[in-house]
Amino acid sequence: MAILQDPFSARHSARGIFCSRTLNLRSISAIGYDMDYTLIHYNVAAWEGRAYDYCMENLRNMGFPVDGLAFDPDLVIRGLVIDKEKGNLVKADRFGYVKRAMHGTRMLSTQKVSEIYGRELVDLRKEGRWEFLNTLFSVSEAVAFMQMVDRLDEGAIVADLGPLDYKGLYKAVGKALFRAHVEGQLKSEIMSKPELFVEPDPELPLALLDQKEAGKRLLLITNSDYHYTEKMMQHSFNRFLPNDMSWRDLFDMVIVSARKPEFFQLSQPMYEVVTDEGLMRPCFKAQTGGVYSGGSAQMIENSLDIHGDEILYVGDHIYTDVSQSKVHLRWRTALICRELEDEYSALIRSRGHRATLIDLINQKEVVGDLFNQLRLALQRRSKGRPAQTIAATHMENKELAESIQKLLIVMQRLDQKIAPLMESDGELFNTRWGFLSRAGLWDKSHIMRQIEKYGKLFCMLIYIPQGFLISSTIPLLCISEPKNSLLLMILIHSLNNKYNDDESASAE
């Protein structure tokens, strides 16, 4: 007999749905999907590795020195931002403050980061300077650019290419990668051997079938062309569907070559795909069950007689998929973030590390609070005014000064323990950049702020239930101060002894 899964255990699954706003899924009539990195998950090292190879070959043909360079998928993660003026790659928190940075392929020290970015914020509206890596398709471009920054700094780029700054170098890399996509060699190679590049999920086609059988109308809206879409979907879906179903049977409408984000903003010509070979003819109204090229989101709404918040759109690109469909059409949105599964696992495995770090930080907060109380008490006493706590009132000046000195030593020793733990936090996900979702121990990263702003849901894979998805809040921890002078002195004494003992043990 099958055992039902504990519903509460699903809340703690890496393959789950994380909700930034409450959403009643019974109000959703249609669910639209992007294809690449949404319904089709690629092996990043393989797909982006080949994109990188083609990019480097084009750079070589342009005269750039690329010998000896190799693709390193761990060099960057999604959510970082390229500083095209300085040749840096940065990780910012939700407010835009830079927390970590890399120049070329070399990580910068905390002090250097502060010197460069201490007075400025990352502002994604300044597109001439900042480039946000908001999709896994950005990985190959970022790796190539950072490696070429090293070559530029080394003086290895010949003068014949003209006086290049970092911005000019970024344009050259972008041009080389664009040629790799436009010329079609990359996609032709993937279509010929999809098993080398695609990682099918057997549960995914069945999840979409569940949605269809529950009465949801399913849409596929992709920028990929018809032939590529047919090959990828056939490879990843057909073998897992029952009763000789085809992937096409899942969708009420398929849109290829959609040209997002313009698809959500403008009215474009639409063509119906009328043969399996991809022959097309102009049309002005889409019909259920059809396959179309181009068109617009408004045509979809009019054809299916559904509008705005009746549609949930699921994609992997924050701007092209999630932001534009939300801003222009008020569609509900969900972001696919495949890295969440690895991040969640890394967070679970690092619980001991983080518990130790949080315990030390909490200890420092208590010690710091006592330090400030006693220092303020001494300051007030020097001016003939009473201390703010009863405990400090009953202490002599000498005792106050000695206690302040002891607490200062304790805080310094705590800092020595905290600093390396903070530096290594998130290494289980990425040794350079730490966790995708965080910038520091407590704060959200810039990409999580974007997800929170534009996406109602974000998840590792597709499974949309029928009920409510409800956002949650995290309570804050409060620490109270000791009021009794005896307790205060015992705490100071025990803290001082504890860190003296710890230092002696480490010395031994």
Protein backbone atom coordinates (compact mmCIF):
# COMPACT_ATOMS: atom_id res chain seq x y z
CA MET A 1 0.00 0.00 0.00
CA ALA A 2 1.36 3.43 -0.95
CA ILE A 3 2.15 5.74 1.92
CA LEU A 4 1.11 9.36 1.51
CA GLN A 5 3.84 11.92 1.97
CA ASP A 6 3.61 14.02 5.08
CA PRO A 7 2.31 17.38 3.74
CA PHE A 8 4.56 19.28 6.13
CA SER A 9 7.67 17.55 4.79
CA ALA A 10 7.03 19.10 1.36
CA ARG A 11 7.57 22.52 2.90
CA HIS A 12 11.16 21.55 3.56
CA SER A 13 11.89 20.03 0.16
CA ALA A 14 14.52 21.40 -2.21
CA ARG A 15 12.10 20.55 -5.02
CA GLY A 16 9.47 22.91 -3.67
CA ILE A 17 7.64 26.13 -4.44
CA PHE A 18 8.65 29.25 -2.52
CA CYS A 19 6.04 31.98 -2.37
CA SER A 20 6.71 35.71 -2.05
CA ARG A 21 3.00 36.61 -2.18
CA THR A 22 -0.22 34.76 -1.45
CA LEU A 23 -1.75 33.30 -4.62
CA ASN A 24 -5.09 31.51 -5.05
CA LEU A 25 -4.39 29.06 -7.86
CA ARG A 26 -8.09 28.34 -8.31
CA SER A 27 -8.32 31.79 -9.90
CA ILE A 28 -5.73 30.83 -12.54
CA SER A 29 -7.30 29.73 -15.83
CA ALA A 30 -4.15 29.33 -17.91
CA ILE A 31 -0.49 28.61 -17.24
CA GLY A 32 2.09 29.72 -19.78
CA TYR A 33 5.61 28.30 -19.93
CA ASP A 34 8.92 29.36 -21.36
CA MET A 35 10.96 26.44 -22.76
CA ASP A 36 14.75 26.87 -22.38
CA TYR A 37 15.88 26.37 -18.78
CA THR A 38 12.20 26.16 -17.78
CA LEU A 39 10.60 23.08 -19.34
CA ILE A 40 13.93 22.01 -20.83
CA HIS A 41 16.84 21.90 -18.40
CA TYR A 42 20.27 21.87 -19.96
CA ASN A 43 23.48 20.56 -18.50
CA VAL A 44 25.03 23.97 -17.82
CA ALA A 45 28.62 22.79 -18.13
CA ALA A 46 27.86 21.14 -21.50
CA TRP A 47 25.56 23.76 -23.08
CA GLU A 48 27.33 26.87 -21.83
CA GLY A 49 30.67 25.15 -22.38
CA ARG A 50 29.95 24.76 -26.09
CA ALA A 51 28.63 28.34 -26.28
CA TYR A 52 31.91 29.43 -24.69
CA ASP A 53 33.93 27.38 -27.21
CA TYR A 54 32.16 28.98 -30.18
CA CYS A 55 32.57 32.42 -28.59
CA MET A 56 36.30 31.87 -28.08
CA GLU A 57 36.75 30.66 -31.65
CA ASN A 58 35.06 33.82 -32.92
CA LEU A 59 37.28 35.94 -30.66
CA ARG A 60 40.35 34.15 -32.05
CA ASN A 61 39.21 34.95 -35.58
CA MET A 62 38.86 38.60 -34.52
CA GLY A 63 42.50 38.60 -33.36
CA PHE A 64 42.09 38.16 -29.60
CA PRO A 65 44.54 35.96 -27.64
CA VAL A 66 42.49 33.04 -26.32
CA ASP A 67 45.03 30.20 -26.27
CA GLY A 68 45.22 28.40 -22.94
CA LEU A 69 41.77 29.51 -21.76
CA ALA A 70 39.14 26.98 -20.71
CA PHE A 71 35.52 27.20 -19.59
CA ASP A 72 35.11 27.34 -15.80
CA PRO A 73 31.40 27.08 -14.85
CA ASP A 74 32.17 27.71 -11.17
CA LEU A 75 33.70 31.11 -11.91
CA VAL A 76 30.29 32.84 -11.91
CA ILE A 77 26.76 32.25 -10.65
CA ARG A 78 23.45 33.71 -11.70
CA GLY A 79 22.56 36.98 -9.99
CA LEU A 80 25.97 38.61 -10.24
CA VAL A 81 26.43 41.95 -12.01
CA ILE A 82 29.14 42.88 -14.52
CA ASP A 83 30.67 46.32 -14.01
CA LYS A 84 31.59 47.13 -17.61
CA GLU A 85 33.53 50.26 -16.66
CA LYS A 86 35.92 48.60 -14.22
CA GLY A 87 36.13 45.06 -15.61
CA ASN A 88 34.68 43.65 -12.40
CA LEU A 89 32.06 41.08 -11.50
CA VAL A 90 30.18 41.94 -8.30
CA LYS A 91 27.66 40.48 -5.90
CA ALA A 92 25.32 43.05 -4.39
CA ASP A 93 22.78 42.91 -1.60
CA ARG A 94 19.13 43.87 -2.03
CA PHE A 95 19.95 47.58 -1.64
CA GLY A 96 22.72 47.51 -4.26
CA TYR A 97 25.69 47.59 -1.87
CA VAL A 98 28.55 45.50 -3.25
CA LYS A 99 29.51 42.68 -0.87
CA ARG A 100 31.96 40.67 -3.00
CA ALA A 101 33.80 41.47 -6.20
CA MET A 102 36.16 39.91 -8.72
CA HIS A 103 38.46 41.72 -11.16
CA GLY A 104 39.18 39.49 -14.11
CA THR A 105 39.35 36.06 -12.50
CA ARG A 106 40.84 37.31 -9.21
CA MET A 107 38.64 37.81 -6.14
CA LEU A 108 39.13 41.18 -4.44
CA SER A 109 39.67 41.58 -0.70
CA THR A 110 36.96 43.07 1.50
CA GLN A 111 39.09 46.18 1.94
CA LYS A 112 39.55 46.58 -1.82
CA VAL A 113 35.82 46.15 -2.42
CA SER A 114 35.15 48.86 0.14
CA GLU A 115 37.67 51.20 -1.51
CA ILE A 116 36.15 50.74 -4.98
CA TYR A 117 32.43 50.57 -4.16
CA GLY A 118 32.11 52.09 -0.70
CA ARG A 119 30.41 55.22 -2.03
CA GLU A 120 28.26 53.84 -4.86
CA LEU A 121 25.42 51.41 -5.40
CA VAL A 122 24.68 48.98 -8.21
CA ASP A 123 21.90 50.59 -10.27
CA LEU A 124 20.56 48.26 -12.95
CA ARG A 125 18.80 51.16 -14.65
CA LYS A 126 22.24 52.35 -15.82
CA GLU A 127 22.51 49.75 -18.57
CA GLY A 128 25.62 51.36 -20.04
CA ARG A 129 27.57 50.34 -16.95
CA TRP A 130 25.88 47.37 -15.26
CA GLU A 131 24.91 44.02 -16.82
CA PHE A 132 22.80 41.73 -14.65
CA LEU A 133 23.35 37.97 -15.05
CA ASN A 134 19.75 36.93 -14.59
CA THR A 135 19.76 33.68 -16.54
CA LEU A 136 22.02 30.65 -16.89
CA PHE A 137 22.53 31.66 -20.55
CA SER A 138 24.70 34.50 -19.15
CA VAL A 139 27.30 32.12 -17.70
CA SER A 140 29.37 31.59 -20.86
CA GLU A 141 29.49 35.31 -21.66
CA ALA A 142 30.56 36.26 -18.12
CA VAL A 143 33.30 33.62 -17.98
CA ALA A 144 34.68 34.70 -21.36
CA PHE A 145 34.62 38.39 -20.42
CA MET A 146 36.35 37.96 -17.06
CA GLN A 147 39.09 35.85 -18.65
CA MET A 148 39.61 38.44 -21.39
CA VAL A 149 39.89 41.18 -18.73
CA ASP A 150 42.95 39.30 -17.46
CA ARG A 151 44.41 39.29 -20.98
CA LEU A 152 43.74 43.02 -21.37
CA ASP A 153 45.40 43.79 -18.02
CA GLU A 154 48.40 41.66 -19.02
CA GLY A 155 48.84 43.70 -22.20
CA ALA A 156 48.35 40.58 -24.31
CA ILE A 157 45.73 42.13 -26.63
CA VAL A 158 47.47 43.56 -29.69
CA ALA A 159 47.22 47.24 -30.60
CA ASP A 160 45.77 46.35 -34.04
CA LEU A 161 42.41 45.77 -32.33
CA GLY A 162 42.35 49.45 -31.36
CA PRO A 163 42.47 51.14 -27.94
CA LEU A 164 40.22 48.88 -25.90
CA ASP A 165 38.80 49.68 -22.49
CA TYR A 166 36.71 47.25 -20.45
CA LYS A 167 33.47 48.45 -22.06
CA GLY A 168 34.88 47.89 -25.54
CA LEU A 169 36.10 44.46 -24.50
CA TYR A 170 32.64 43.56 -23.22
CA LYS A 171 31.12 44.57 -26.58
CA ALA A 172 33.65 42.40 -28.42
CA VAL A 173 32.84 39.35 -26.28
CA GLY A 174 29.11 39.97 -26.69
CA LYS A 175 29.51 40.23 -30.46
CA ALA A 176 31.47 36.96 -30.60
CA LEU A 177 28.84 35.12 -28.55
CA PHE A 178 25.98 36.64 -30.56
CA ARG A 179 27.57 35.30 -33.76
CA ALA A 180 27.73 31.84 -32.18
CA HIS A 181 23.96 31.92 -31.65
CA VAL A 182 22.99 33.62 -34.91
CA GLU A 183 25.06 31.38 -37.15
CA GLY A 184 23.15 28.39 -35.80
CA GLN A 185 26.09 26.01 -35.34
CA LEU A 186 25.52 25.69 -31.61
CA LYS A 187 21.85 24.79 -31.83
CA SER A 188 22.49 22.46 -34.75
CA GLU A 189 25.01 20.56 -32.64
CA ILE A 190 22.56 20.35 -29.71
CA MET A 191 19.73 19.15 -31.98
CA SER A 192 21.95 16.42 -33.42
CA LYS A 193 22.94 15.08 -29.97
CA PRO A 194 20.38 16.32 -27.43
CA GLU A 195 21.31 13.55 -24.98
CA LEU A 196 24.66 15.29 -24.39
CA PHE A 197 23.10 18.63 -23.47
CA VAL A 198 19.61 18.03 -22.06
CA GLU A 199 18.76 16.59 -18.64
CA PRO A 200 15.16 15.30 -18.93
CA ASP A 201 12.97 15.12 -15.82
CA PRO A 202 10.48 12.22 -16.05
CA GLU A 203 8.15 13.89 -13.53
CA LEU A 204 7.83 17.14 -15.47
CA PRO A 205 5.62 16.00 -18.40
CA LEU A 206 3.34 14.21 -15.94
CA ALA A 207 3.08 17.35 -13.78
CA LEU A 208 1.90 19.28 -16.82
CA LEU A 209 -0.55 16.50 -17.64
CA ASP A 210 -1.92 16.77 -14.09
CA GLN A 211 -2.43 20.49 -14.60
CA LYS A 212 -4.21 19.96 -17.91
CA GLU A 213 -6.49 17.29 -16.43
CA ALA A 214 -7.27 19.65 -13.54
CA GLY A 215 -8.73 22.09 -16.06
CA LYS A 216 -5.81 24.47 -16.60
CA ARG A 217 -5.16 25.67 -20.14
CA LEU A 218 -1.46 25.30 -20.93
CA LEU A 219 0.56 27.57 -23.20
CA LEU A 220 4.13 27.28 -24.48
CA ILE A 221 5.69 30.64 -25.31
CA THR A 222 9.35 30.44 -26.33
CA ASN A 223 11.86 32.54 -28.26
CA SER A 224 13.31 29.39 -29.82
CA ASP A 225 12.37 28.58 -33.42
CA TYR A 226 9.97 25.84 -34.46
CA HIS A 227 12.51 23.17 -35.45
CA TYR A 228 14.56 23.55 -32.27
CA THR A 229 11.44 23.60 -30.06
CA GLU A 230 10.03 20.46 -31.72
CA LYS A 231 13.31 18.57 -31.29
CA MET A 232 13.90 19.55 -27.66
CA MET A 233 10.31 18.97 -26.50
CA GLN A 234 10.06 15.65 -28.34
CA HIS A 235 13.32 14.45 -26.77
CA SER A 236 12.40 15.56 -23.23
CA PHE A 237 8.65 14.87 -23.08
CA ASN A 238 7.27 12.23 -25.44
CA ARG A 239 8.84 9.14 -23.87
CA PHE A 240 7.43 10.00 -20.42
CA LEU A 241 3.81 10.62 -21.50
CA PRO A 242 1.19 7.81 -21.41
CA ASN A 243 -0.88 6.36 -24.24
CA ASP A 244 1.34 7.55 -27.10
CA MET A 245 0.70 11.17 -26.22
CA SER A 246 2.89 13.82 -27.81
CA TRP A 247 4.14 16.96 -26.09
CA ARG A 248 1.87 18.93 -28.41
CA ASP A 249 -1.17 17.26 -26.82
CA LEU A 250 -0.40 19.00 -23.53
CA PHE A 251 -0.70 22.55 -24.81
CA ASP A 252 -3.76 24.54 -25.86
CA MET A 253 -1.45 26.83 -27.80
CA VAL A 254 2.23 26.90 -28.77
CA ILE A 255 4.07 30.10 -29.69
CA VAL A 256 7.61 29.83 -31.12
CA SER A 257 9.97 32.67 -32.14
CA ALA A 258 7.98 34.85 -29.75
CA ARG A 259 10.63 37.57 -29.56
CA LYS A 260 10.15 38.24 -25.86
CA PRO A 261 10.14 40.78 -24.26
CA GLU A 262 8.54 42.57 -27.28
CA PHE A 263 5.94 39.78 -27.27
CA PHE A 264 4.53 41.22 -24.02
CA GLN A 265 4.81 44.87 -25.14
CA LEU A 266 3.97 45.19 -28.84
CA SER A 267 1.73 43.78 -31.56
CA GLN A 268 3.76 41.77 -34.08
CA PRO A 269 2.83 39.75 -37.19
CA MET A 270 1.74 36.19 -36.44
CA TYR A 271 2.17 33.10 -38.60
CA GLU A 272 0.59 29.68 -38.24
CA VAL A 273 2.86 26.64 -38.52
CA VAL A 274 0.89 24.34 -40.84
CA THR A 275 3.27 21.42 -41.53
CA ASP A 276 5.67 19.29 -39.51
CA GLU A 277 8.47 20.71 -41.67
CA GLY A 278 7.71 24.20 -40.32
CA LEU A 279 5.89 25.71 -43.32
CA MET A 280 4.02 28.87 -42.20
CA ARG A 281 1.23 31.13 -43.40
CA PRO A 282 0.05 34.53 -42.09
CA CYS A 283 -2.88 34.53 -39.71
CA PHE A 284 -4.72 37.09 -37.58
CA LYS A 285 -6.36 35.01 -34.87
CA ALA A 286 -4.96 32.03 -33.01
CA GLN A 287 -7.03 28.90 -32.48
CA THR A 288 -6.88 26.36 -29.67
CA GLY A 289 -4.47 23.56 -30.51
CA GLY A 290 -2.47 25.62 -33.00
CA VAL A 291 1.25 26.28 -33.31
CA TYR A 292 2.22 29.85 -34.15
CA SER A 293 5.29 31.96 -34.76
CA GLY A 294 5.47 35.53 -33.47
CA GLY A 295 2.32 37.38 -32.51
CA SER A 296 1.71 39.05 -29.17
CA ALA A 297 0.42 38.34 -25.69
CA GLN A 298 -2.73 40.37 -26.37
CA MET A 299 -3.54 38.08 -29.32
CA ILE A 300 -3.30 35.14 -26.92
CA GLU A 301 -5.61 36.79 -24.42
CA ASN A 302 -8.18 37.67 -27.09
CA SER A 303 -8.08 34.21 -28.69
CA LEU A 304 -8.56 32.34 -25.42
CA ASP A 305 -10.80 35.03 -23.84
CA ILE A 306 -8.68 35.18 -20.70
CA HIS A 307 -6.91 38.25 -19.39
CA GLY A 308 -4.48 39.65 -16.85
CA ASP A 309 -4.36 37.89 -13.51
CA GLU A 310 -6.14 34.80 -14.85
CA ILE A 311 -2.79 33.80 -16.42
CA LEU A 312 0.28 32.52 -14.59
CA TYR A 313 3.48 32.72 -16.64
CA VAL A 314 6.49 30.59 -15.70
CA GLY A 315 10.01 31.33 -16.94
CA ASP A 316 13.67 31.50 -15.99
CA HIS A 317 14.52 35.05 -17.10
CA ILE A 318 13.64 37.75 -14.58
CA TYR A 319 13.33 40.53 -17.18
CA THR A 320 12.22 38.81 -20.39
CA ASP A 321 9.77 36.38 -18.77
CA VAL A 322 8.74 37.57 -15.35
CA SER A 323 9.09 41.35 -15.18
CA GLN A 324 7.59 42.25 -18.56
CA SER A 325 4.58 39.94 -18.39
CA LYS A 326 3.81 41.33 -14.95
CA VAL A 327 4.40 45.03 -15.67
CA HIS A 328 2.62 45.27 -19.04
CA LEU A 329 -0.15 42.69 -18.72
CA ARG A 330 -0.57 42.09 -14.96
CA TRP A 331 -0.05 38.37 -15.49
CA ARG A 332 0.86 36.38 -12.41
CA THR A 333 4.45 35.19 -12.54
CA ALA A 334 6.69 32.36 -11.36
CA LEU A 335 10.45 32.14 -11.77
CA ILE A 336 12.26 28.86 -12.30
CA CYS A 337 15.52 28.92 -10.35
CA ARG A 338 17.17 25.54 -10.89
CA GLU A 339 20.05 26.39 -8.57
CA LEU A 340 17.69 26.36 -5.58
CA GLU A 341 17.96 22.60 -5.27
CA ASP A 342 21.75 22.73 -4.82
CA GLU A 343 21.46 25.81 -2.63
CA TYR A 344 18.88 24.19 -0.39
CA SER A 345 21.06 21.09 0.00
CA ALA A 346 24.09 23.29 0.75
CA LEU A 347 22.11 25.18 3.40
CA ILE A 348 21.10 21.91 5.05
CA ARG A 349 24.69 20.63 5.06
CA SER A 350 26.00 23.91 6.47
CA ARG A 351 23.55 24.08 9.38
CA GLY A 352 26.27 23.23 11.90
CA HIS A 353 28.59 25.89 10.47
CA ARG A 354 25.86 28.52 10.49
CA ALA A 355 24.69 27.57 14.00
CA THR A 356 28.23 28.08 15.29
CA LEU A 357 28.49 31.41 13.47
CA ILE A 358 25.11 32.65 14.72
CA ASP A 359 25.96 31.60 18.27
CA LEU A 360 29.20 33.61 18.14
CA ILE A 361 27.40 36.64 16.68
CA ASN A 362 24.75 36.43 19.40
CA GLN A 363 27.49 36.25 22.02
CA LYS A 364 29.13 39.33 20.50
CA GLU A 365 25.80 41.19 20.58
CA VAL A 366 25.41 40.45 24.29
CA VAL A 367 29.01 41.41 25.03
CA GLY A 368 28.75 44.52 22.87
CA ASP A 369 25.58 45.58 24.64
CA LEU A 370 27.28 45.21 28.04
CA PHE A 371 30.34 47.07 26.75
CA ASN A 372 28.21 50.00 25.58
CA GLN A 373 26.26 50.09 28.85
CA LEU A 374 29.41 50.26 30.94
CA ARG A 375 31.16 52.76 28.67
CA LEU A 376 28.12 55.06 28.73
CA ALA A 377 27.89 54.66 32.50
CA LEU A 378 31.54 55.73 32.88
CA GLN A 379 30.97 58.66 30.53
CA ARG A 380 27.89 59.84 32.45
CA ARG A 381 29.62 59.44 35.78
CA SER A 382 32.47 61.69 34.58
CA LYS A 383 29.85 64.37 33.95
CA GLY A 384 28.18 63.88 37.30
CA ARG A 385 25.10 62.14 35.94
CA PRO A 386 23.73 58.72 36.98
CA ALA A 387 24.23 55.57 34.90
CA GLN A 388 21.34 54.27 32.84
CA THR A 389 21.32 50.79 34.50
CA ILE A 390 21.17 49.77 38.15
CA ALA A 391 23.99 47.28 37.62
CA ALA A 392 26.49 49.91 36.50
CA THR A 393 25.43 52.34 39.28
CA HIS A 394 26.87 50.05 42.01
CA MET A 395 30.25 49.60 40.29
CA GLU A 396 33.34 51.65 41.19
CA ASN A 397 35.17 53.61 38.49
CA LYS A 398 38.15 51.22 38.52
CA GLU A 399 35.84 48.23 38.32
CA LEU A 400 33.99 49.84 35.42
CA ALA A 401 37.22 50.54 33.51
CA GLU A 402 38.57 47.02 34.09
CA SER A 403 35.27 45.46 32.98
CA ILE A 404 35.22 47.60 29.84
CA GLN A 405 38.76 46.47 28.99
CA LYS A 406 37.89 42.80 29.55
CA LEU A 407 34.80 43.07 27.36
CA LEU A 408 36.85 44.76 24.61
CA ILE A 409 39.29 41.84 24.64
CA VAL A 410 36.39 39.37 24.49
CA MET A 411 34.89 41.17 21.46
CA GLN A 412 38.24 41.16 19.67
CA ARG A 413 38.60 37.43 20.23
CA LEU A 414 35.05 36.85 19.06
CA ASP A 415 35.82 38.85 15.88
CA GLN A 416 38.81 36.59 15.24
CA LYS A 417 36.49 33.58 15.37
CA ILE A 418 33.64 35.17 13.41
CA ALA A 419 35.66 36.59 10.48
CA PRO A 420 36.84 33.28 8.93
CA LEU A 421 33.41 31.70 9.45
CA MET A 422 31.74 34.64 7.68
CA GLU A 423 34.26 34.38 4.85
CA SER A 424 33.57 30.68 4.33
CA ASP A 425 29.77 30.92 4.69
CA GLY A 426 28.18 29.58 1.51
CA GLU A 427 31.27 27.75 0.27
CA LEU A 428 29.27 24.53 -0.07
CA PHE A 429 27.28 26.26 -2.85
CA ASN A 430 30.06 28.30 -4.48
CA THR A 431 33.53 28.82 -3.08
CA ARG A 432 33.86 32.34 -4.53
CA TRP A 433 30.39 33.83 -4.22
CA GLY A 434 28.62 31.89 -1.49
CA PHE A 435 24.87 31.38 -1.61
CA LEU A 436 22.79 32.60 -4.54
CA SER A 437 20.00 33.94 -2.33
CA ARG A 438 22.10 35.72 0.30
CA ALA A 439 24.61 38.53 0.51
CA GLY A 440 26.07 38.09 3.96
CA LEU A 441 24.58 36.08 6.79
CA TRP A 442 21.25 37.84 7.14
CA ASP A 443 20.60 39.90 4.03
CA LYS A 444 19.06 38.96 0.69
CA SER A 445 21.11 39.13 -2.48
CA HIS A 446 20.23 41.48 -5.33
CA ILE A 447 18.73 38.66 -7.38
CA MET A 448 16.44 37.66 -4.51
CA ARG A 449 15.22 41.25 -4.34
CA GLN A 450 14.41 41.10 -8.06
CA ILE A 451 12.59 37.80 -7.57
CA GLU A 452 10.65 39.22 -4.64
CA LYS A 453 9.74 42.30 -6.66
CA TYR A 454 8.59 40.63 -9.87
CA GLY A 455 7.79 36.99 -9.10
CA LYS A 456 4.94 35.68 -7.01
CA LEU A 457 6.52 32.24 -6.93
CA PHE A 458 9.99 30.85 -7.44
CA CYS A 459 10.82 27.17 -7.60
CA MET A 460 13.32 24.58 -8.73
CA LEU A 461 10.90 22.65 -10.96
CA ILE A 462 7.33 22.73 -12.20
CA TYR A 463 4.55 21.51 -9.95
CA ILE A 464 1.59 23.82 -9.50
CA PRO A 465 -0.99 22.55 -6.97
CA GLN A 466 -4.65 23.52 -6.89
CA GLY A 467 -4.90 25.38 -3.59
CA PHE A 468 -3.41 28.46 -2.01
CA LEU A 469 0.27 29.36 -1.94
CA ILE A 470 0.85 31.57 1.08
CA SER A 471 3.86 33.74 1.81
CA SER A 472 5.46 33.53 5.24
CA THR A 473 7.51 35.75 7.55
CA ILE A 474 10.54 35.00 9.71
CA PRO A 475 10.47 36.17 13.36
CA LEU A 476 13.42 38.16 14.69
CA LEU A 477 15.43 37.12 17.72
CA CYS A 478 15.53 39.55 20.66
CA ILE A 479 18.14 39.61 23.41
CA SER A 480 17.38 41.27 26.75
CA GLU A 481 19.98 42.93 28.98
CA PRO A 482 20.78 41.72 32.51
CA LYS A 483 19.50 44.07 35.22
CA ASN A 484 21.17 42.68 38.32
CA SER A 485 24.72 43.88 39.12
CA LEU A 486 25.79 40.48 40.45
CA LEU A 487 24.60 38.77 37.27
CA LEU A 488 26.39 41.41 35.25
CA MET A 489 29.72 40.79 36.99
CA ILE A 490 29.33 37.00 36.77
CA LEU A 491 28.66 37.27 33.04
CA ILE A 492 31.69 39.52 32.44
CA HIS A 493 33.91 37.22 34.50
CA SER A 494 32.67 34.02 32.81
CA LEU A 495 33.02 35.50 29.32
CA ASN A 496 36.56 36.64 30.04
CA ASN A 497 37.51 33.20 31.43
CA LYS A 498 35.83 31.40 28.53
CA TYR A 499 37.81 33.20 25.84
CA ASN A 500 41.04 33.00 27.86
CA ASP A 501 40.52 29.22 28.04
CA ASP A 502 39.69 29.04 24.33
CA GLU A 503 42.85 30.97 23.44
CA SER A 504 45.00 28.72 25.65
CA ALA A 505 43.50 25.59 24.09
CA SER A 506 44.13 26.85 20.56
CA ALA A 507 47.70 27.77 21.48
CA GLU A 508 48.33 24.26 22.76
